[in-house]
Protein backbone atom coordinates (compact mmCIF):
# COMPACT_ATOMS: atom_id res chain seq x y z
CA MET A 1 21.93 -14.27 -39.38
CA LYS A 2 18.55 -12.51 -39.10
CA LEU A 3 16.13 -13.98 -36.61
CA ILE A 4 12.77 -13.12 -35.08
CA LEU A 5 12.61 -13.50 -31.31
CA THR A 6 9.74 -15.57 -29.93
CA GLN A 7 10.65 -15.12 -26.25
CA PRO A 8 12.30 -12.25 -24.36
CA VAL A 9 16.10 -12.60 -24.46
CA THR A 10 18.19 -10.53 -22.04
CA LYS A 11 20.27 -7.85 -23.77
CA LEU A 12 18.87 -8.83 -27.17
CA GLY A 13 15.17 -7.95 -27.36
CA LYS A 14 11.55 -8.85 -26.78
CA PRO A 15 9.24 -11.16 -28.73
CA GLY A 16 8.64 -9.96 -32.27
CA ASP A 17 11.94 -8.09 -32.57
CA VAL A 18 13.98 -8.81 -35.69
CA VAL A 19 17.63 -9.14 -34.64
CA THR A 20 20.90 -9.88 -36.36
CA VAL A 21 23.13 -12.29 -34.47
CA ALA A 22 26.19 -14.41 -35.13
CA ASP A 23 25.43 -17.59 -37.08
CA GLY A 24 26.61 -19.91 -34.31
CA TYR A 25 24.62 -18.11 -31.61
CA GLY A 26 21.46 -18.31 -33.66
CA ARG A 27 21.93 -21.86 -34.94
CA ASN A 28 23.27 -23.43 -31.71
CA TYR A 29 21.48 -21.50 -28.98
CA LEU A 30 18.47 -19.41 -30.00
CA ILE A 31 16.76 -21.68 -32.53
CA PRO A 32 17.15 -25.02 -30.63
CA ARG A 33 15.76 -23.44 -27.45
CA GLN A 34 12.86 -22.00 -29.45
CA LEU A 35 13.81 -18.46 -28.45
CA ALA A 36 13.89 -17.37 -32.12
CA ILE A 37 12.82 -18.39 -35.61
CA PRO A 38 14.49 -17.57 -38.94
CA ALA A 39 13.40 -14.27 -40.47
CA SER A 40 11.37 -15.01 -43.60
CA ALA A 41 8.51 -13.20 -45.31
CA GLY A 42 5.86 -15.39 -43.66
CA ASN A 43 7.54 -15.23 -40.26
CA LEU A 44 7.69 -11.41 -40.37
CA LYS A 45 3.86 -11.28 -40.24
CA GLN A 46 3.99 -13.63 -37.26
CA ALA A 47 6.57 -11.31 -35.67
CA GLU A 48 4.10 -8.41 -35.71
CA LYS A 49 1.51 -10.56 -33.92
CA LEU A 50 4.11 -11.68 -31.36
CA ALA A 51 5.13 -8.08 -30.67
CA ALA A 52 1.52 -6.95 -30.24
CA GLU A 53 0.73 -9.90 -27.96
CA HIS A 54 3.84 -9.23 -25.85
CA ASP A 55 2.94 -5.54 -25.52
CA ARG A 56 -0.57 -6.44 -24.31
CA TYR A 57 0.92 -8.91 -21.81
CA GLU A 58 3.41 -6.33 -20.49
CA GLN A 59 0.64 -3.74 -20.10
CA ARG A 60 -1.51 -6.23 -18.16
CA VAL A 61 1.41 -7.13 -15.86
CA ARG A 62 2.17 -3.43 -15.31
CA ASP A 63 -1.48 -2.66 -14.48
CA ASP A 64 -1.53 -5.52 -11.96
CA ALA A 65 1.69 -4.25 -10.39
CA GLU A 66 0.26 -0.72 -10.11
CA SER A 67 -2.87 -1.99 -8.36
CA VAL A 68 -0.75 -3.99 -5.90
CA ALA A 69 1.48 -0.92 -5.37
CA ALA A 70 -1.54 1.24 -4.55
CA ARG A 71 -2.68 -1.33 -2.01
CA LEU A 72 0.79 -1.52 -0.43
CA ARG A 73 1.10 2.28 -0.21
CA GLU A 74 -2.19 2.77 1.65
CA THR A 75 -1.70 0.14 4.37
CA PRO A 76 1.28 0.16 6.74
CA VAL A 77 2.86 -3.17 7.68
CA THR A 78 3.65 -3.97 11.32
CA VAL A 79 6.59 -6.14 12.33
CA SER A 80 7.30 -7.13 15.94
CA ALA A 81 10.78 -7.79 17.28
CA ARG A 82 12.63 -7.98 20.58
CA ALA A 83 14.17 -4.67 21.57
CA GLY A 84 16.30 -3.23 24.33
CA GLU A 85 15.60 -0.15 26.41
CA SER A 86 17.35 2.19 23.96
CA GLU A 87 14.89 1.18 21.19
CA ARG A 88 17.56 -0.87 19.41
CA LEU A 89 16.56 -4.32 18.23
CA TYR A 90 18.40 -7.39 19.51
CA GLY A 91 18.39 -8.75 15.98
CA SER A 92 17.33 -7.04 12.78
CA ILE A 93 14.40 -6.91 10.38
CA THR A 94 15.40 -8.22 6.94
CA SER A 95 13.74 -8.11 3.54
CA SER A 96 12.53 -11.66 4.12
CA ASP A 97 10.78 -10.58 7.35
CA ILE A 98 9.09 -7.70 5.53
CA ALA A 99 7.95 -9.93 2.66
CA ASP A 100 6.51 -12.43 5.17
CA ALA A 101 4.70 -9.64 7.04
CA ILE A 102 3.18 -8.31 3.81
CA GLN A 103 2.00 -11.82 2.90
CA GLU A 104 0.54 -12.38 6.36
CA GLN A 105 -1.15 -8.99 6.88
CA LEU A 106 -2.20 -7.96 3.37
CA GLY A 107 -2.39 -11.27 1.54
CA VAL A 108 -0.07 -10.00 -1.19
CA GLU A 109 2.76 -12.32 -2.13
CA VAL A 110 6.01 -10.37 -2.58
CA ASP A 111 9.33 -11.99 -3.38
CA ARG A 112 11.97 -11.07 -0.78
CA ARG A 113 14.37 -10.13 -3.59
CA LYS A 114 11.92 -7.41 -4.68
CA VAL A 115 12.19 -5.68 -1.28
CA GLU A 116 14.94 -3.10 -1.82
CA LEU A 117 16.19 -2.74 1.72
CA ALA A 118 19.60 -1.00 1.74
CA GLU A 119 20.48 -2.51 5.09
CA PRO A 120 18.50 -4.42 7.72
CA ILE A 121 16.32 -2.38 10.08
CA ARG A 122 17.80 -2.32 13.59
CA GLU A 123 15.62 0.26 15.39
CA LEU A 124 12.01 0.58 16.48
CA GLY A 125 9.77 3.07 14.73
CA GLU A 126 8.47 3.73 11.23
CA HIS A 127 10.61 3.08 8.18
CA THR A 128 9.91 3.57 4.47
CA VAL A 129 10.90 0.56 2.38
CA PRO A 130 10.80 0.52 -1.45
CA ILE A 131 9.48 -2.61 -3.17
CA ARG A 132 10.07 -3.08 -6.92
CA LEU A 133 6.99 -4.84 -8.29
CA HIS A 134 7.78 -4.27 -11.97
CA SER A 135 10.62 -2.67 -13.88
CA ASP A 136 8.56 0.57 -13.98
CA VAL A 137 6.56 0.26 -10.73
CA THR A 138 8.00 0.77 -7.25
CA ALA A 139 5.86 0.95 -4.11
CA GLU A 140 6.96 2.77 -0.95
CA VAL A 141 5.72 0.72 2.03
CA GLN A 142 5.54 2.05 5.59
CA VAL A 143 6.96 -0.57 7.95
CA ARG A 144 6.23 -0.10 11.65
CA VAL A 145 8.65 -1.93 13.91
CA GLN A 146 7.24 -2.40 17.39
CA PRO A 147 8.58 -4.24 20.42
CA ILE A 148 7.27 -7.66 21.35
CA GLU A 149 5.20 -7.41 24.50
CA ALA A 150 6.35 -10.05 26.99
């Protein structure tokens, strides 16, 4: 069955793509959920408009992500934590802590799942943390971990 996607579908395509799928998948899943419409002559013209609109939307989202990335790169984020005398933290700094610090200090809302921290930070000092803002845009943020002054 040939269909035109109206919404992005994982592992299938983006809006405006003409795809061939199994009859049951198209009839029982894609069409009832309004993820696709049947491919007809009139709908093919609509598919071109959908594709162009989706491309403009993706470009706008990417531009926004790049502007946020530039802002994140230029300003370091400071996180305070309790530490021992050997500069080891009593706990650890997680991606959630970093996302909260970015929200608090820079006013940029970042989902904690976008912070690509390989393992929690357990030492004082400066650390570089990648944040994936878009599938094509990753920002390297400098995180300064400093001890809490008692």
